[in-house]
């Protein structure tokens, strides 16, 4: 993360008209609040734009805008910032625009607070009681992976990944979205509005992809690991040796968060936690868990070279392709895990489209995403597997992965495992989670800010 003082100093020295902040990971949200407070303290008058994958209009209205008396505007994506900037810099329009945004954000704030008042939650004990309770004696016996520990995949053959690429997010980068029935790839090429442009961008991508693979300007490393594991309440304990009973001290613990927001009275859906998908220690059933991390290297350096040549198109293109390759690597490796390395789904026969639609057995949830919104769980993954040393994939101080084109997560094999969103949680669960992780409640609240079901100043 770029420090606040550097952002503001550069804005002043370069006589900026507007300051824009982009956040890709949860800690960015708190940093944006800090920047807004500093701008107010220093008496700055520049408009502040907020954007990035982790941001939202609600968070901007509730958490950031009240800290700064000048315009604070959430921008959904970069393409829309041009219109917003034009209105903020137009002497005839800016006051009216600011008034409209202020009124809109006040309505959003009021609606947010009203929602918090109306939202109903189960107590943590009730949510646990209504979790997924599996009869592990009748459940298919968990399969033992082919190895315990880690296996590294270095300089992975990128051509193996080509058939696993999901191209839809690639077209989203270029704001190319076909209309039904021509939304997805390859149907987008038939779209009357964007089809021709989509085909051109796709052909350019193929050409650049072949070039960087042949020249080895992009390369990929990855790691897969498996450990004996048992659930203990909402947590998952991992062990060094595959011995039953699991009486030794765990080598690592993954901590889980459980759904608490009350569901419709007609719903029979459990209140999920990731630990529900691993056999409990007291069941006597030996179970396992996997983890992975993959990354595509070289994109940042190549992107800078294109920028120095004033070639913004290929600068963006190479980053977009690196992201697709990293995701494809995760997809291809997960297939290997299911069919061979773990081998719990050896008869699987799916094409890439089926995989993108998650029609396989098992899941690979990532820390910082809906099923486990806490990015700090990554630190356990990295320590457990010596991930940075073995692959070169590192974590920044804000726990973003570097290189940026990287994917990591856990593997679960149970046929009952499913993706879910934890959603909002109560302070009771936050305090319980903090105690289990041996962190302060304030620190946990910082990392779990977007899912707090209560107002936290």
Foldseek 3Di string as FASTA:
>chain_A
DDQLVVQVVCCVVVVPQAGEDEDAFQLSLVRLQVNQLVCQVVVHAHAYEYEYDVDDLLSCLARRVVNHPHHYYYDHDPVCVVVVVVQCPDPVRNVVVRVVSNVVSVVSNVVLVVCLVPWDWDFPVVQLVQAQDDPQVPFPAAFAFPDAAKDKDWQHQLVVLPQQFQCLVVVVLVVQAADPPQGGPPSSLVGPPCNVVVVVLVVVLVVVVVVCSVVVLKTKMKMKHKFWWAFDRLKIFGDRDQDPLPPDHGPFMFGWFWAITDDDPPDSHHGYIQNSLGHHSVSRRIHMKMKMKMFMPNLCVVLVVCVVVVNNPVSSSSVSVRLRSQVSVVLVVVVCCCQPRRRVNVVDDDGSVCVVVVVDAWDWDADCDFNHNFLVSVVRVCVRRVVCVRTVWDADPSGQIPPNSMDIGMIGGGNPDDDDGSAADELSSLCVSCVVVVHDSVVSCSSVVVRHSDDDD
